[in-house]
């Protein structure tokens, strides 16, 4: 079994200085923690994998393709492979668990 604590993942991500920390990589999926602070732009580009976002904390809007919705703690968003997507109007520091399938990288 592999088990993780969000607080420890956030500390590891912050210590590494990046917005993204991949903490699990398996044959059929990978999982990471993505962090964007309030007001910060989201630089990501479309990915070759399907993605599921689970918002652990924060508030923002997200646009996937032509659709936009507000997200907050507990929100889950699916992004199909190859579709443009961005978080924006980040009003509270955003911490998002990201599941890629197949695994990224």
C-alpha atoms as a PDB file:
ATOM      1  CA  UNK A   1       0.000   0.000   0.000  1.00  0.00           C
ATOM      2  CA  UNK A   2       1.062   3.549  -0.682  1.00  0.00           C
ATOM      3  CA  UNK A   3      -0.358   6.271   1.523  1.00  0.00           C
ATOM      4  CA  UNK A   4       0.127  10.038   1.391  1.00  0.00           C
ATOM      5  CA  UNK A   5      -0.728  13.067   3.539  1.00  0.00           C
ATOM      6  CA  UNK A   6      -1.645  16.268   1.766  1.00  0.00           C
ATOM      7  CA  UNK A   7       0.316  18.410   4.241  1.00  0.00           C
ATOM      8  CA  UNK A   8       3.496  16.409   3.599  1.00  0.00           C
ATOM      9  CA  UNK A   9       3.021  16.531  -0.173  1.00  0.00           C
ATOM     10  CA  UNK A  10       2.510  20.298  -0.019  1.00  0.00           C
ATOM     11  CA  UNK A  11       5.704  20.703   2.030  1.00  0.00           C
ATOM     12  CA  UNK A  12       7.669  18.567  -0.439  1.00  0.00           C
ATOM     13  CA  UNK A  13       6.254  20.500  -3.399  1.00  0.00           C
ATOM     14  CA  UNK A  14       7.071  23.858  -1.798  1.00  0.00           C
ATOM     15  CA  UNK A  15      10.603  22.730  -0.905  1.00  0.00           C
ATOM     16  CA  UNK A  16      11.170  21.767  -4.539  1.00  0.00           C
ATOM     17  CA  UNK A  17      10.140  25.249  -5.657  1.00  0.00           C
ATOM     18  CA  UNK A  18       7.765  24.127  -8.404  1.00  0.00           C
ATOM     19  CA  UNK A  19       4.030  24.337  -8.916  1.00  0.00           C
ATOM     20  CA  UNK A  20       3.709  20.576  -9.534  1.00  0.00           C
ATOM     21  CA  UNK A  21       4.813  17.511  -7.599  1.00  0.00           C
ATOM     22  CA  UNK A  22       4.251  14.063  -9.095  1.00  0.00           C
ATOM     23  CA  UNK A  23       4.078  11.713  -6.130  1.00  0.00           C
ATOM     24  CA  UNK A  24       2.727   8.517  -7.663  1.00  0.00           C
ATOM     25  CA  UNK A  25       3.573   6.891 -10.985  1.00  0.00           C
ATOM     26  CA  UNK A  26       2.072   3.507 -11.850  1.00  0.00           C
ATOM     27  CA  UNK A  27       1.558   1.504 -15.025  1.00  0.00           C
ATOM     28  CA  UNK A  28      -1.909   2.951 -15.814  1.00  0.00           C
ATOM     29  CA  UNK A  29      -1.914   6.323 -14.048  1.00  0.00           C
ATOM     30  CA  UNK A  30       0.067   8.985 -12.265  1.00  0.00           C
ATOM     31  CA  UNK A  31      -0.983  11.419  -9.550  1.00  0.00           C
ATOM     32  CA  UNK A  32       0.404  14.801  -8.605  1.00  0.00           C
ATOM     33  CA  UNK A  33      -0.258  17.911  -6.566  1.00  0.00           C
ATOM     34  CA  UNK A  34      -0.653  21.168  -8.498  1.00  0.00           C
ATOM     35  CA  UNK A  35      -0.460  24.512  -6.701  1.00  0.00           C
ATOM     36  CA  UNK A  36      -1.359  27.972  -7.924  1.00  0.00           C
ATOM     37  CA  UNK A  37      -1.492  30.934  -5.568  1.00  0.00           C
ATOM     38  CA  UNK A  38      -4.212  33.577  -5.667  1.00  0.00           C
ATOM     39  CA  UNK A  39      -3.814  35.827  -8.688  1.00  0.00           C
ATOM     40  CA  UNK A  40      -1.157  33.617 -10.289  1.00  0.00           C
ATOM     41  CA  UNK A  41      -1.543  32.659 -13.988  1.00  0.00           C
ATOM     42  CA  UNK A  42      -1.874  28.997 -14.970  1.00  0.00           C
ATOM     43  CA  UNK A  43       0.838  28.244 -17.561  1.00  0.00           C
ATOM     44  CA  UNK A  44      -0.161  24.692 -18.448  1.00  0.00           C
ATOM     45  CA  UNK A  45      -0.735  23.457 -21.985  1.00  0.00           C
ATOM     46  CA  UNK A  46      -2.992  20.595 -23.169  1.00  0.00           C
ATOM     47  CA  UNK A  47      -1.774  17.146 -22.168  1.00  0.00           C
ATOM     48  CA  UNK A  48      -1.694  13.893 -24.113  1.00  0.00           C
ATOM     49  CA  UNK A  49      -3.457  12.092 -21.251  1.00  0.00           C
ATOM     50  CA  UNK A  50      -6.946  12.263 -19.800  1.00  0.00           C
ATOM     51  CA  UNK A  51      -6.943  14.137 -16.489  1.00  0.00           C
ATOM     52  CA  UNK A  52      -9.101  14.343 -13.413  1.00  0.00           C
ATOM     53  CA  UNK A  53      -8.704  17.320 -11.075  1.00  0.00           C
ATOM     54  CA  UNK A  54      -9.816  17.140  -7.443  1.00  0.00           C
ATOM     55  CA  UNK A  55      -9.708  20.535  -5.718  1.00  0.00           C
ATOM     56  CA  UNK A  56      -8.327  20.017  -2.198  1.00  0.00           C
ATOM     57  CA  UNK A  57      -8.436  23.719  -1.293  1.00  0.00           C
ATOM     58  CA  UNK A  58      -8.856  27.169  -2.790  1.00  0.00           C
ATOM     59  CA  UNK A  59     -11.225  28.872  -5.203  1.00  0.00           C
ATOM     60  CA  UNK A  60     -10.931  29.612  -8.906  1.00  0.00           C
ATOM     61  CA  UNK A  61     -12.584  29.269 -12.267  1.00  0.00           C
ATOM     62  CA  UNK A  62     -11.495  26.659 -14.778  1.00  0.00           C
ATOM     63  CA  UNK A  63     -12.068  26.660 -18.500  1.00  0.00           C
ATOM     64  CA  UNK A  64     -11.976  23.346 -20.368  1.00  0.00           C
ATOM     65  CA  UNK A  65     -12.389  23.763 -24.092  1.00  0.00           C
ATOM     66  CA  UNK A  66     -15.258  26.259 -24.434  1.00  0.00           C
ATOM     67  CA  UNK A  67     -16.814  25.590 -20.990  1.00  0.00           C
ATOM     68  CA  UNK A  68     -16.077  27.524 -17.790  1.00  0.00           C
ATOM     69  CA  UNK A  69     -17.103  26.691 -14.230  1.00  0.00           C
ATOM     70  CA  UNK A  70     -16.259  27.829 -10.713  1.00  0.00           C
ATOM     71  CA  UNK A  71     -14.331  25.344  -8.559  1.00  0.00           C
ATOM     72  CA  UNK A  72     -13.691  25.152  -4.828  1.00  0.00           C
ATOM     73  CA  UNK A  73     -12.780  22.539  -2.225  1.00  0.00           C
ATOM     74  CA  UNK A  74     -14.390  19.239  -3.208  1.00  0.00           C
ATOM     75  CA  UNK A  75     -14.855  20.043  -6.914  1.00  0.00           C
ATOM     76  CA  UNK A  76     -13.941  17.355  -9.448  1.00  0.00           C
ATOM     77  CA  UNK A  77     -13.248  18.216 -13.103  1.00  0.00           C
ATOM     78  CA  UNK A  78     -12.530  15.855 -16.012  1.00  0.00           C
ATOM     79  CA  UNK A  79     -10.311  17.085 -18.869  1.00  0.00           C
ATOM     80  CA  UNK A  80     -10.086  14.914 -22.007  1.00  0.00           C
ATOM     81  CA  UNK A  81      -6.666  14.416 -23.573  1.00  0.00           C
ATOM     82  CA  UNK A  82      -5.616  17.205 -25.936  1.00  0.00           C
ATOM     83  CA  UNK A  83      -8.223  19.738 -24.798  1.00  0.00           C
ATOM     84  CA  UNK A  84      -7.020  23.228 -23.823  1.00  0.00           C
ATOM     85  CA  UNK A  85      -7.696  24.063 -20.174  1.00  0.00           C
ATOM     86  CA  UNK A  86      -6.677  26.685 -17.605  1.00  0.00           C
ATOM     87  CA  UNK A  87      -7.438  27.729 -14.069  1.00  0.00           C
ATOM     88  CA  UNK A  88      -8.040  31.482 -13.795  1.00  0.00           C
ATOM     89  CA  UNK A  89      -9.535  34.106 -11.482  1.00  0.00           C
ATOM     90  CA  UNK A  90      -7.831  32.297  -8.611  1.00  0.00           C
ATOM     91  CA  UNK A  91      -9.209  34.063  -5.544  1.00  0.00           C
ATOM     92  CA  UNK A  92      -7.798  31.687  -2.881  1.00  0.00           C
ATOM     93  CA  UNK A  93      -4.575  29.667  -3.102  1.00  0.00           C
ATOM     94  CA  UNK A  94      -5.455  26.584  -5.143  1.00  0.00           C
ATOM     95  CA  UNK A  95      -4.247  23.050  -4.332  1.00  0.00           C
ATOM     96  CA  UNK A  96      -5.387  20.397  -6.768  1.00  0.00           C
ATOM     97  CA  UNK A  97      -4.781  16.642  -6.959  1.00  0.00           C
ATOM     98  CA  UNK A  98      -4.261  15.643 -10.590  1.00  0.00           C
ATOM     99  CA  UNK A  99      -4.763  12.104 -11.895  1.00  0.00           C
ATOM    100  CA  UNK A 100      -3.365  11.337 -15.358  1.00  0.00           C
ATOM    101  CA  UNK A 101      -4.292   8.226 -17.316  1.00  0.00           C
ATOM    102  CA  UNK A 102      -2.219   6.872 -18.873  1.00  0.00           C
ATOM    103  CA  UNK A 103       0.597   8.208 -16.674  1.00  0.00           C
ATOM    104  CA  UNK A 104       2.286  11.470 -17.651  1.00  0.00           C
ATOM    105  CA  UNK A 105       5.970  11.788 -18.288  1.00  0.00           C
END
